[in-house]
Protein backbone atom coordinates (compact mmCIF):
# COMPACT_ATOMS: atom_id res chain seq x y z
CA GLN A 1 -68.99 226.65 17.04
CA VAL A 2 -67.45 224.35 19.58
CA GLN A 3 -68.20 224.42 23.31
CA LEU A 4 -66.37 222.68 26.22
CA VAL A 5 -68.28 222.31 29.57
CA GLU A 6 -66.38 221.12 32.61
CA SER A 7 -67.95 219.65 35.81
CA GLY A 8 -66.85 217.92 38.93
CA GLY A 9 -64.83 220.58 40.65
CA GLY A 10 -65.31 221.48 44.27
CA LEU A 11 -63.86 221.45 47.80
CA VAL A 12 -62.03 218.35 49.24
CA GLN A 13 -59.90 217.56 52.06
CA ALA A 14 -56.21 216.67 51.57
CA GLY A 15 -55.95 212.89 50.66
CA GLY A 16 -59.42 213.00 49.06
CA SER A 17 -60.47 212.42 45.36
CA LEU A 18 -62.40 214.23 42.75
CA ARG A 19 -63.38 213.35 39.15
CA LEU A 20 -63.58 216.12 36.48
CA SER A 21 -65.50 215.68 33.28
CA CYS A 22 -65.49 217.84 30.17
CA VAL A 23 -67.95 217.37 27.32
CA VAL A 24 -67.13 218.83 23.86
CA SER A 25 -70.05 219.75 21.69
CA GLY A 26 -70.65 221.63 18.38
CA SER A 27 -69.37 221.29 14.76
CA ILE A 28 -66.79 218.46 15.32
CA ILE A 29 -65.21 216.28 12.70
CA SER A 30 -62.79 214.73 15.14
CA ILE A 31 -60.80 215.48 18.17
CA SER A 32 -57.14 214.63 18.25
CA ARG A 33 -55.68 215.58 21.53
CA MET A 34 -57.74 216.25 24.79
CA GLY A 35 -56.11 217.56 28.00
CA TRP A 36 -56.41 219.21 31.39
CA TYR A 37 -54.42 222.25 32.45
CA ARG A 38 -54.53 224.17 35.76
CA GLN A 39 -53.69 227.64 36.96
CA ALA A 40 -53.20 228.47 40.52
CA PRO A 41 -53.22 232.16 41.69
CA GLY A 42 -50.01 233.97 40.78
CA LYS A 43 -48.76 231.08 38.76
CA GLN A 44 -48.71 230.25 35.05
CA ARG A 45 -51.02 227.74 33.42
CA GLU A 46 -49.51 224.31 33.46
CA VAL A 47 -50.36 221.00 31.82
CA VAL A 48 -51.85 218.25 34.06
CA ALA A 49 -52.56 215.48 31.73
CA ALA A 50 -53.21 214.88 28.08
CA ILE A 51 -54.55 211.98 25.94
CA THR A 52 -54.56 211.38 22.24
CA SER A 53 -57.42 209.88 20.26
CA GLY A 54 -55.52 206.58 20.24
CA GLY A 55 -55.36 206.57 24.03
CA SER A 56 -51.67 207.60 24.65
CA THR A 57 -51.25 209.69 27.83
CA ASN A 58 -48.85 212.04 29.43
CA TYR A 59 -48.81 213.70 32.76
CA GLY A 60 -47.19 216.55 34.62
CA ASP A 61 -44.48 215.46 37.01
CA SER A 62 -46.42 216.69 39.98
CA VAL A 63 -49.48 214.60 39.30
CA GLN A 64 -47.83 211.43 37.98
CA GLY A 65 -49.17 208.33 39.84
CA ARG A 66 -52.11 210.28 41.45
CA PHE A 67 -54.12 211.41 38.49
CA ALA A 68 -55.57 209.50 35.61
CA ILE A 69 -56.89 210.91 32.31
CA SER A 70 -59.27 209.06 30.16
CA ARG A 71 -61.72 209.73 27.30
CA ASP A 72 -64.76 208.45 25.67
CA ASN A 73 -64.49 209.16 21.95
CA ALA A 74 -68.12 208.36 21.36
CA LYS A 75 -69.29 211.01 23.76
CA ASN A 76 -66.55 213.49 23.00
CA THR A 77 -65.74 213.50 26.71
CA VAL A 78 -62.54 213.55 28.63
CA TYR A 79 -62.17 212.76 32.26
CA LEU A 80 -59.60 213.39 34.99
CA GLU A 81 -59.62 211.19 38.10
CA MET A 82 -57.67 212.97 40.86
CA ASN A 83 -56.59 211.03 43.86
CA SER A 84 -54.37 211.70 46.93
CA LEU A 85 -55.17 215.35 46.40
CA GLN A 86 -52.92 217.88 48.18
CA PRO A 87 -53.35 221.62 48.92
CA GLU A 88 -50.89 222.44 46.16
CA ASP A 89 -53.30 220.94 43.67
CA THR A 90 -55.64 223.89 44.35
CA ALA A 91 -56.24 225.73 41.06
CA VAL A 92 -58.68 226.42 38.38
CA TYR A 93 -58.71 223.37 35.99
CA TYR A 94 -59.29 223.94 32.34
CA CYS A 95 -60.20 221.41 29.72
CA ASN A 96 -58.63 221.58 26.32
CA ALA A 97 -59.61 219.91 22.96
CA ARG A 98 -57.72 220.05 19.67
CA VAL A 99 -60.48 219.78 17.06
CA VAL A 100 -59.58 218.73 13.49
CA TYR A 101 -61.07 220.51 10.55
CA GLY A 102 -58.26 219.67 8.16
CA ARG A 103 -56.26 222.01 10.30
CA GLN A 104 -56.34 221.81 14.08
CA ILE A 105 -57.80 224.37 16.41
CA ASP A 106 -57.45 224.38 20.21
CA TYR A 107 -60.58 225.15 22.17
CA TRP A 108 -60.88 225.80 26.05
CA GLY A 109 -63.49 225.35 28.67
CA GLN A 110 -64.40 228.02 31.15
CA GLY A 111 -62.59 226.37 33.96
CA THR A 112 -63.70 224.60 37.26
CA GLN A 113 -62.30 225.32 40.69
CA VAL A 114 -60.60 222.61 42.68
CA THR A 115 -59.87 223.45 46.30
CA VAL A 116 -57.95 221.20 48.54
CA SER A 117 -57.97 222.00 52.26
CA SER A 118 -55.29 220.83 54.58
């Protein structure tokens, strides 16, 4: 069984910063892709950022240049540094990990709330 535990969400004023962390634990051989998604009320879940095991990254258009994703493979942990936060960044942020067992399975965290006040 694989578990993802997110931390670091909270309330911040516009222009502020937050750092999210997600630790993956359990029966893991390796993790290929790790990422962060978010879902605001009444909207579909969207990708925020993703990172491969080799360190290649990609970002959603709305966060490009403001957010940075990184990972520590030894700790099975992925981070999301969020800067210049805006009210439209308010959402529940979910961690995703693609675990390799020969085939690949996606696992999700429970989500952490990020609220940006104007």
